[in-house]
C-alpha atoms as a PDB file:
ATOM      1  CA  MET A   1     -21.175  18.092  15.317  1.00  0.00           C
ATOM      2  CA  ASP A   2     -24.342  16.750  13.697  1.00  0.00           C
ATOM      3  CA  GLN A   3     -25.406  19.337  11.094  1.00  0.00           C
ATOM      4  CA  ILE A   4     -28.535  17.384  10.165  1.00  0.00           C
ATOM      5  CA  LYS A   5     -29.673  17.264  13.793  1.00  0.00           C
ATOM      6  CA  ILE A   6     -28.927  20.969  14.310  1.00  0.00           C
ATOM      7  CA  GLY A   7     -30.767  21.846  11.084  1.00  0.00           C
ATOM      8  CA  LYS A   8     -33.887  19.934  12.127  1.00  0.00           C
ATOM      9  CA  PHE A   9     -33.732  21.580  15.562  1.00  0.00           C
ATOM     10  CA  ILE A  10     -33.565  25.057  13.997  1.00  0.00           C
ATOM     11  CA  ALA A  11     -36.596  24.232  11.821  1.00  0.00           C
ATOM     12  CA  THR A  12     -38.540  22.903  14.835  1.00  0.00           C
ATOM     13  CA  MET A  13     -37.808  25.937  17.003  1.00  0.00           C
ATOM     14  CA  ARG A  14     -38.574  28.337  14.130  1.00  0.00           C
ATOM     15  CA  LYS A  15     -41.999  26.761  13.634  1.00  0.00           C
ATOM     16  CA  LYS A  16     -42.544  26.789  17.396  1.00  0.00           C
ATOM     17  CA  GLN A  17     -42.083  30.573  17.323  1.00  0.00           C
ATOM     18  CA  GLY A  18     -44.572  30.790  14.433  1.00  0.00           C
ATOM     19  CA  LEU A  19     -41.970  32.144  12.001  1.00  0.00           C
ATOM     20  CA  SER A  20     -41.563  31.388   8.323  1.00  0.00           C
ATOM     21  CA  GLN A  21     -38.067  31.015   6.857  1.00  0.00           C
ATOM     22  CA  LYS A  22     -38.429  34.455   5.281  1.00  0.00           C
ATOM     23  CA  GLN A  23     -39.518  36.090   8.545  1.00  0.00           C
ATOM     24  CA  LEU A  24     -36.626  34.576  10.494  1.00  0.00           C
ATOM     25  CA  ALA A  25     -34.206  35.573   7.725  1.00  0.00           C
ATOM     26  CA  GLU A  26     -35.374  39.215   7.875  1.00  0.00           C
ATOM     27  CA  ARG A  27     -34.948  39.322  11.645  1.00  0.00           C
ATOM     28  CA  ILE A  28     -31.329  38.129  11.596  1.00  0.00           C
ATOM     29  CA  ASP A  29     -30.300  39.804   8.302  1.00  0.00           C
ATOM     30  CA  VAL A  30     -29.740  36.739   6.129  1.00  0.00           C
ATOM     31  CA  THR A  31     -31.583  35.311   3.122  1.00  0.00           C
ATOM     32  CA  ASP A  32     -34.339  32.694   3.321  1.00  0.00           C
ATOM     33  CA  LYS A  33     -32.094  30.456   1.164  1.00  0.00           C
ATOM     34  CA  THR A  34     -29.510  30.567   3.951  1.00  0.00           C
ATOM     35  CA  ILE A  35     -32.143  29.478   6.475  1.00  0.00           C
ATOM     36  CA  SER A  36     -33.118  26.629   4.146  1.00  0.00           C
ATOM     37  CA  LYS A  37     -29.479  25.464   3.919  1.00  0.00           C
ATOM     38  CA  TRP A  38     -29.204  25.472   7.712  1.00  0.00           C
ATOM     39  CA  GLU A  39     -32.387  23.477   8.171  1.00  0.00           C
ATOM     40  CA  THR A  40     -31.442  20.848   5.587  1.00  0.00           C
ATOM     41  CA  GLY A  41     -28.026  20.384   7.212  1.00  0.00           C
ATOM     42  CA  ASN A  42     -26.095  21.629   4.170  1.00  0.00           C
ATOM     43  CA  ARG A  43     -24.546  24.513   6.071  1.00  0.00           C
ATOM     44  CA  MET A  44     -23.908  25.695   9.630  1.00  0.00           C
ATOM     45  CA  PRO A  45     -24.726  29.214  10.895  1.00  0.00           C
ATOM     46  CA  ASP A  46     -21.685  31.501  11.076  1.00  0.00           C
ATOM     47  CA  ALA A  47     -20.280  32.123  14.539  1.00  0.00           C
ATOM     48  CA  SER A  48     -21.096  35.838  14.217  1.00  0.00           C
ATOM     49  CA  ILE A  49     -24.814  35.095  13.982  1.00  0.00           C
ATOM     50  CA  LEU A  50     -25.232  32.384  16.627  1.00  0.00           C
ATOM     51  CA  LEU A  51     -26.290  34.776  19.416  1.00  0.00           C
ATOM     52  CA  LYS A  52     -28.858  36.583  17.273  1.00  0.00           C
ATOM     53  CA  LEU A  53     -30.268  33.314  15.899  1.00  0.00           C
ATOM     54  CA  SER A  54     -30.494  31.766  19.383  1.00  0.00           C
ATOM     55  CA  SER A  55     -32.282  34.848  20.681  1.00  0.00           C
ATOM     56  CA  GLU A  56     -34.905  34.725  17.916  1.00  0.00           C
ATOM     57  CA  LEU A  57     -35.491  31.000  18.506  1.00  0.00           C
ATOM     58  CA  GLN A  58     -35.631  31.623  22.299  1.00  0.00           C
ATOM     59  CA  ILE A  59     -32.911  29.112  23.086  1.00  0.00           C
ATOM     60  CA  ASN A  60     -29.286  29.488  24.167  1.00  0.00           C
ATOM     61  CA  VAL A  61     -26.214  28.911  22.007  1.00  0.00           C
ATOM     62  CA  ASN A  62     -25.379  25.737  23.901  1.00  0.00           C
ATOM     63  CA  GLU A  63     -28.743  24.234  22.956  1.00  0.00           C
ATOM     64  CA  LEU A  64     -28.357  25.389  19.358  1.00  0.00           C
ATOM     65  CA  LEU A  65     -24.968  23.688  18.964  1.00  0.00           C
ATOM     66  CA  ALA A  66     -26.240  20.553  20.678  1.00  0.00           C
ATOM     67  CA  GLY A  67     -29.258  20.407  18.360  1.00  0.00           C
ATOM     68  CA  GLU A  68     -31.671  19.837  21.246  1.00  0.00           C
ATOM     69  CA  GLN A  69     -33.484  21.715  23.953  1.00  0.00           C
ATOM     70  CA  PHE A  70     -32.327  20.934  27.453  1.00  0.00           C
ATOM     71  CA  SER A  71     -34.781  19.867  30.134  1.00  0.00           C
ATOM     72  CA  GLN A  72     -36.835  22.554  31.815  1.00  0.00           C
ATOM     73  CA  GLU A  73     -35.168  21.719  35.106  1.00  0.00           C
ATOM     74  CA  GLU A  74     -32.166  23.909  35.830  1.00  0.00           C
ATOM     75  CA  PRO A  75     -29.039  21.820  35.050  1.00  0.00           C
ATOM     76  CA  SER A  76     -26.311  21.601  37.620  1.00  0.00           C
ATOM     77  CA  PRO A  77     -23.205  23.743  36.975  1.00  0.00           C
ATOM     78  CA  GLU A  78     -21.143  20.597  36.392  1.00  0.00           C
ATOM     79  CA  GLU A  79     -23.621  19.239  33.826  1.00  0.00           C
ATOM     80  CA  TYR A  80     -23.818  22.571  32.040  1.00  0.00           C
ATOM     81  CA  VAL A  81     -20.017  22.860  31.880  1.00  0.00           C
ATOM     82  CA  LYS A  82     -19.745  19.327  30.426  1.00  0.00           C
ATOM     83  CA  LYS A  83     -22.293  20.108  27.710  1.00  0.00           C
ATOM     84  CA  THR A  84     -20.526  23.359  26.908  1.00  0.00           C
ATOM     85  CA  GLU A  85     -17.152  21.604  26.694  1.00  0.00           C
ATOM     86  CA  ARG A  86     -18.599  18.925  24.408  1.00  0.00           C
ATOM     87  CA  ASN A  87     -20.077  21.553  22.086  1.00  0.00           C
ATOM     88  CA  ILE A  88     -16.785  23.466  21.991  1.00  0.00           C
ATOM     89  CA  VAL A  89     -14.847  20.287  21.166  1.00  0.00           C
ATOM     90  CA  ASP A  90     -17.301  19.472  18.382  1.00  0.00           C
ATOM     91  CA  LEU A  91     -17.082  23.011  17.023  1.00  0.00           C
ATOM     92  CA  VAL A  92     -13.266  22.990  17.047  1.00  0.00           C
ATOM     93  CA  GLY A  93     -13.298  19.599  15.310  1.00  0.00           C
ATOM     94  CA  GLU A  94     -15.622  20.995  12.647  1.00  0.00           C
ATOM     95  CA  LEU A  95     -13.318  23.992  12.115  1.00  0.00           C
ATOM     96  CA  ASN A  96     -10.273  21.706  11.814  1.00  0.00           C
ATOM     97  CA  GLU A  97     -12.091  19.525   9.281  1.00  0.00           C
ATOM     98  CA  ASN A  98     -13.041  22.594   7.222  1.00  0.00           C
ATOM     99  CA  GLU A  99      -9.411  23.748   7.271  1.00  0.00           C
ATOM    100  CA  LYS A 100      -8.279  20.326   6.008  1.00  0.00           C
ATOM    101  CA  ARG A 101     -10.842  20.513   3.209  1.00  0.00           C
ATOM    102  CA  ARG A 102      -9.656  24.001   2.264  1.00  0.00           C
ATOM    103  CA  LYS A 103      -6.025  22.871   2.086  1.00  0.00           C
ATOM    104  CA  GLY A 104      -7.004  19.737   0.168  1.00  0.00           C
ATOM    105  CA  GLY A 105      -8.923  21.849  -2.328  1.00  0.00           C
ATOM    106  CA  GLY A 106      -5.854  24.027  -2.904  1.00  0.00           C
ATOM    107  CA  ILE A 107      -3.691  20.962  -3.543  1.00  0.00           C
ATOM    108  CA  GLY A 108      -6.266  19.572  -5.958  1.00  0.00           C
ATOM    109  CA  THR A 109      -6.391  22.850  -7.881  1.00  0.00           C
ATOM    110  CA  MET A 110      -2.609  22.877  -8.247  1.00  0.00           C
ATOM    111  CA  ILE A 111      -2.492  19.236  -9.379  1.00  0.00           C
ATOM    112  CA  GLY A 112      -5.322  19.763 -11.857  1.00  0.00           C
ATOM    113  CA  THR A 113      -3.701  22.865 -13.309  1.00  0.00           C
ATOM    114  CA  LEU A 114      -0.356  21.059 -13.565  1.00  0.00           C
ATOM    115  CA  PHE A 115      -1.895  18.204 -15.550  1.00  0.00           C
ATOM    116  CA  ILE A 116      -3.564  20.609 -17.974  1.00  0.00           C
ATOM    117  CA  VAL A 117      -0.284  22.499 -18.459  1.00  0.00           C
ATOM    118  CA  LEU A 118       1.492  19.198 -19.117  1.00  0.00           C
ATOM    119  CA  ALA A 119      -1.205  18.329 -21.656  1.00  0.00           C
ATOM    120  CA  LEU A 120      -0.560  21.589 -23.503  1.00  0.00           C
ATOM    121  CA  ILE A 121       3.188  20.920 -23.473  1.00  0.00           C
ATOM    122  CA  GLN A 122       2.593  17.437 -24.879  1.00  0.00           C
ATOM    123  CA  LEU A 123       0.349  18.851 -27.602  1.00  0.00           C
ATOM    124  CA  VAL A 124       3.108  21.217 -28.667  1.00  0.00           C
ATOM    125  CA  GLY A 125       5.700  18.434 -28.442  1.00  0.00           C
ATOM    126  CA  SER A 126       3.594  16.082 -30.557  1.00  0.00           C
ATOM    127  CA  SER A 127       3.941  18.452 -33.504  1.00  0.00           C
ATOM    128  CA  LEU A 128       7.715  17.961 -33.460  1.00  0.00           C
ATOM    129  CA  PRO A 129       9.562  15.007 -35.054  1.00  0.00           C
ATOM    130  CA  LEU A 130      10.352  13.509 -31.646  1.00  0.00           C
ATOM    131  CA  GLY A 131       6.752  13.782 -30.466  1.00  0.00           C
ATOM    132  CA  LYS A 132       5.355  10.668 -32.152  1.00  0.00           C
ATOM    133  CA  LEU A 133       5.299   8.732 -28.869  1.00  0.00           C
ATOM    134  CA  ALA A 134       2.754  11.209 -27.540  1.00  0.00           C
ATOM    135  CA  ASP A 135       0.561  10.512 -30.573  1.00  0.00           C
ATOM    136  CA  ILE A 136       0.657   6.762 -29.933  1.00  0.00           C
ATOM    137  CA  PHE A 137      -0.404   6.990 -26.294  1.00  0.00           C
ATOM    138  CA  ASP A 138      -2.387  10.256 -26.620  1.00  0.00           C
ATOM    139  CA  ILE A 139      -0.796  11.666 -23.443  1.00  0.00           C
ATOM    140  CA  PRO A 140      -2.632  15.045 -23.739  1.00  0.00           C
ATOM    141  CA  THR A 141      -5.995  13.273 -23.481  1.00  0.00           C
ATOM    142  CA  LEU A 142      -4.884  11.490 -20.315  1.00  0.00           C
ATOM    143  CA  PHE A 143      -3.620  14.727 -18.770  1.00  0.00           C
ATOM    144  CA  TYR A 144      -6.755  16.638 -19.726  1.00  0.00           C
ATOM    145  CA  LEU A 145      -8.989  13.977 -18.191  1.00  0.00           C
ATOM    146  CA  ALA A 146      -6.973  13.956 -14.963  1.00  0.00           C
ATOM    147  CA  GLY A 147      -6.559  17.748 -14.799  1.00  0.00           C
ATOM    148  CA  LEU A 148     -10.221  18.558 -15.351  1.00  0.00           C
ATOM    149  CA  LYS A 149     -11.315  15.916 -12.860  1.00  0.00           C
ATOM    150  CA  PHE A 150      -9.022  17.233 -10.110  1.00  0.00           C
ATOM    151  CA  LEU A 151     -10.152  20.815 -10.738  1.00  0.00           C
ATOM    152  CA  ILE A 152     -13.827  19.880 -10.526  1.00  0.00           C
ATOM    153  CA  LEU A 153     -13.216  17.803  -7.380  1.00  0.00           C
ATOM    154  CA  SER A 154     -11.489  20.810  -5.802  1.00  0.00           C
ATOM    155  CA  ILE A 155     -14.223  23.249  -6.787  1.00  0.00           C
ATOM    156  CA  SER A 156     -16.908  20.914  -5.412  1.00  0.00           C
ATOM    157  CA  GLY A 157     -15.007  20.576  -2.101  1.00  0.00           C
ATOM    158  CA  ARG A 158     -14.535  16.803  -2.431  1.00  0.00           C
ATOM    159  CA  PHE A 159     -10.795  16.618  -3.119  1.00  0.00           C
ATOM    160  CA  HIS A 160      -9.866  16.139   0.556  1.00  0.00           C
ATOM    161  CA  ASP A 161     -12.280  13.210   0.844  1.00  0.00           C
ATOM    162  CA  TYR A 162     -10.949  11.825  -2.458  1.00  0.00           C
ATOM    163  CA  LEU A 163      -7.400  11.884  -1.067  1.00  0.00           C
ATOM    164  CA  ASN A 164      -8.603  10.174   2.113  1.00  0.00           C
ATOM    165  CA  ALA A 165      -9.935   7.313  -0.015  1.00  0.00           C
ATOM    166  CA  TRP A 166      -6.464   6.636  -1.437  1.00  0.00           C
ATOM    167  CA  ARG A 167      -4.974   6.924   2.049  1.00  0.00           C
ATOM    168  CA  THR A 168      -6.549   3.530   2.814  1.00  0.00           C
ATOM    169  CA  TYR A 169      -3.633   2.015   0.864  1.00  0.00           C
ATOM    170  CA  MET A 170      -1.076   3.731   3.108  1.00  0.00           C
ATOM    171  CA  PRO A 171       0.303   1.577   5.953  1.00  0.00           C
ATOM    172  CA  GLY A 172      -0.894   2.782   9.340  1.00  0.00           C
ATOM    173  CA  ALA A 173      -3.405   5.277   7.936  1.00  0.00           C
ATOM    174  CA  GLU A 174      -6.478   5.469  10.191  1.00  0.00           C
ATOM    175  CA  LEU A 175      -9.765   7.000   9.037  1.00  0.00           C
ATOM    176  CA  SER A 176     -12.907   7.522  11.071  1.00  0.00           C
ATOM    177  CA  VAL A 177     -16.253   6.069  10.001  1.00  0.00           C
ATOM    178  CA  LYS A 178     -17.404   9.517   8.880  1.00  0.00           C
ATOM    179  CA  GLU A 179     -14.220  10.059   6.844  1.00  0.00           C
ATOM    180  CA  MET A 180     -14.632   6.714   5.099  1.00  0.00           C
ATOM    181  CA  GLN A 181     -18.296   7.407   4.336  1.00  0.00           C
ATOM    182  CA  LEU A 182     -17.381  10.789   2.842  1.00  0.00           C
ATOM    183  CA  SER A 183     -14.568   9.108   0.894  1.00  0.00           C
ATOM    184  CA  ILE A 184     -17.049   6.682  -0.652  1.00  0.00           C
ATOM    185  CA  HIS A 185     -19.188   9.600  -1.862  1.00  0.00           C
ATOM    186  CA  ALA A 186     -16.082  11.362  -3.239  1.00  0.00           C
ATOM    187  CA  VAL A 187     -14.931   8.274  -5.170  1.00  0.00           C
ATOM    188  CA  LYS A 188     -18.418   7.788  -6.622  1.00  0.00           C
ATOM    189  CA  TYR A 189     -18.425  11.448  -7.662  1.00  0.00           C
ATOM    190  CA  ALA A 190     -14.960  11.073  -9.216  1.00  0.00           C
ATOM    191  CA  GLY A 191     -16.145   7.973 -11.070  1.00  0.00           C
ATOM    192  CA  ALA A 192     -19.116   9.848 -12.510  1.00  0.00           C
ATOM    193  CA  LEU A 193     -16.775  12.668 -13.553  1.00  0.00           C
ATOM    194  CA  SER A 194     -14.436  10.209 -15.269  1.00  0.00           C
ATOM    195  CA  LEU A 195     -17.296   8.675 -17.243  1.00  0.00           C
ATOM    196  CA  THR A 196     -18.607  12.103 -18.252  1.00  0.00           C
ATOM    197  CA  LEU A 197     -15.226  13.536 -19.245  1.00  0.00           C
ATOM    198  CA  GLY A 198     -14.218  10.310 -21.007  1.00  0.00           C
ATOM    199  CA  GLY A 199     -17.465  10.368 -22.987  1.00  0.00           C
ATOM    200  CA  ILE A 200     -16.979  14.003 -23.978  1.00  0.00           C
ATOM    201  CA  THR A 201     -13.362  13.428 -25.048  1.00  0.00           C
ATOM    202  CA  SER A 202     -14.321  10.340 -27.066  1.00  0.00           C
ATOM    203  CA  SER A 203     -17.125  12.274 -28.744  1.00  0.00           C
ATOM    204  CA  LEU A 204     -14.705  15.040 -29.715  1.00  0.00           C
ATOM    205  CA  GLY A 205     -12.326  12.465 -31.176  1.00  0.00           C
ATOM    206  CA  LEU A 206     -15.173  10.851 -33.132  1.00  0.00           C
ATOM    207  CA  PHE A 207     -16.256  14.244 -34.436  1.00  0.00           C
ATOM    208  CA  SER A 208     -12.683  14.954 -35.564  1.00  0.00           C
ATOM    209  CA  LEU A 209     -12.509  11.526 -37.208  1.00  0.00           C
ATOM    210  CA  LEU A 210     -15.717  12.043 -39.174  1.00  0.00           C
ATOM    211  CA  ASN A 211     -14.745  15.512 -40.363  1.00  0.00           C
ATOM    212  CA  TYR A 212     -11.225  14.695 -41.549  1.00  0.00           C
ATOM    213  CA  MET A 213     -11.641  11.316 -43.247  1.00  0.00           C
ATOM    214  CA  THR A 214      -9.319  12.372 -46.082  1.00  0.00           C
ATOM    215  CA  ASP A 215      -6.469  13.480 -43.819  1.00  0.00           C
ATOM    216  CA  LEU A 216      -4.521  10.370 -42.758  1.00  0.00           C
ATOM    217  CA  ASN A 217      -2.654  12.202 -39.983  1.00  0.00           C
ATOM    218  CA  ARG A 218      -5.862  13.478 -38.427  1.00  0.00           C
ATOM    219  CA  ILE A 219      -7.577  10.102 -38.823  1.00  0.00           C
ATOM    220  CA  GLY A 220      -4.819   8.521 -36.724  1.00  0.00           C
ATOM    221  CA  SER A 221      -5.170  11.188 -34.021  1.00  0.00           C
ATOM    222  CA  GLY A 222      -8.943  10.839 -33.989  1.00  0.00           C
ATOM    223  CA  ILE A 223      -8.823   7.063 -33.626  1.00  0.00           C
ATOM    224  CA  ALA A 224      -6.244   7.351 -30.829  1.00  0.00           C
ATOM    225  CA  GLN A 225      -8.369   9.900 -28.994  1.00  0.00           C
ATOM    226  CA  VAL A 226     -11.539   7.790 -29.205  1.00  0.00           C
ATOM    227  CA  VAL A 227      -9.965   4.448 -28.327  1.00  0.00           C
ATOM    228  CA  LEU A 228      -7.582   5.686 -25.650  1.00  0.00           C
ATOM    229  CA  SER A 229     -10.199   7.895 -23.981  1.00  0.00           C
ATOM    230  CA  LEU A 230     -12.402   4.837 -23.577  1.00  0.00           C
ATOM    231  CA  PHE A 231      -9.415   2.742 -22.444  1.00  0.00           C
ATOM    232  CA  TYR A 232      -8.252   5.290 -19.844  1.00  0.00           C
ATOM    233  CA  THR A 233     -11.818   5.688 -18.556  1.00  0.00           C
ATOM    234  CA  ALA A 234     -12.234   1.906 -18.227  1.00  0.00           C
ATOM    235  CA  VAL A 235      -8.945   1.579 -16.299  1.00  0.00           C
ATOM    236  CA  ILE A 236      -9.849   4.446 -13.949  1.00  0.00           C
ATOM    237  CA  GLU A 237     -13.346   3.075 -13.327  1.00  0.00           C
ATOM    238  CA  THR A 238     -11.881  -0.350 -12.525  1.00  0.00           C
ATOM    239  CA  ALA A 239      -9.497   1.247 -10.033  1.00  0.00           C
ATOM    240  CA  TYR A 240     -12.414   3.068  -8.385  1.00  0.00           C
ATOM    241  CA  VAL A 241     -14.449  -0.140  -8.074  1.00  0.00           C
ATOM    242  CA  ILE A 242     -11.510  -1.810  -6.310  1.00  0.00           C
ATOM    243  CA  LEU A 243     -11.029   1.261  -4.081  1.00  0.00           C
ATOM    244  CA  LEU A 244     -14.709   1.350  -3.097  1.00  0.00           C
ATOM    245  CA  TYR A 245     -14.598  -2.354  -2.263  1.00  0.00           C
ATOM    246  CA  ARG A 246     -11.551  -1.784  -0.020  1.00  0.00           C
ATOM    247  CA  ILE A 247     -13.146   1.126   1.870  1.00  0.00           C
ATOM    248  CA  ARG A 248     -16.402  -0.766   2.390  1.00  0.00           C
ATOM    249  CA  ARG A 249     -14.528  -3.770   3.727  1.00  0.00           C
ATOM    250  CA  ARG A 250     -12.711  -1.538   6.199  1.00  0.00           C
ATOM    251  CA  LEU A 251     -16.043  -0.051   7.277  1.00  0.00           C
ATOM    252  CA  GLU A 252     -17.483  -3.526   7.793  1.00  0.00           C
ATOM    253  CA  ASP A 253     -14.451  -4.485   9.881  1.00  0.00           C
ATOM    254  CA  LEU A 254     -14.929  -1.411  12.070  1.00  0.00           C
ATOM    255  CA  PHE A 255     -18.586  -2.179  12.700  1.00  0.00           C
ATOM    256  CA  GLN A 256     -17.768  -5.816  13.475  1.00  0.00           C
ATOM    257  CA  ASP A 257     -15.186  -4.688  16.025  1.00  0.00           C
END
């Protein structure tokens, strides 16, 4: 289902009826911001409001879901049934995709939380005699970077697409063109997050280093945090560049076929 096409169609029919976004919103009991989201393709109308919206735009639900007005000539029953079936299939597919995203977001939240908990455990362990290995590799910083990134990806609704990107390495995994395009956006978003979080963590380490120049133990921790944050970020960014290249190659292969 093409949300952009449907959004433009809603805007066209609204203007045809001489209604502003605010006027249409008042008639169907939503906000003008909601109308704006529909018309820009960022959101679809809820099923509970489709009949009321179609009535105000003087179209039928079938036309609304198709994103186009059918010809003035009365369609044959067979043609109308086919269009209805196509719209239902598209709608069911959209619902299934949203359910996958919801489940993916839940998995991402759990993974992100787990990494942050592990980081806290490592921080406690590093204060013990046997915890010096954690100081050398600064494991808490790595876990914090990963945990925060997964949480933000989940909150933004991109975790499912992010997982799909890594699925390209799985034998036999098949992704549609749309899924691969969304995966590219998710990986770019994850890359920007990694750079931002890595920069913040490095800055915190530098701040700690400058404020505790006389404390040798803290100087070592600060240096490790700065250097390793930059190192982890560089490794992750390199992995994302390779991943993006792989997805784009697969897209090119699909278009060539």
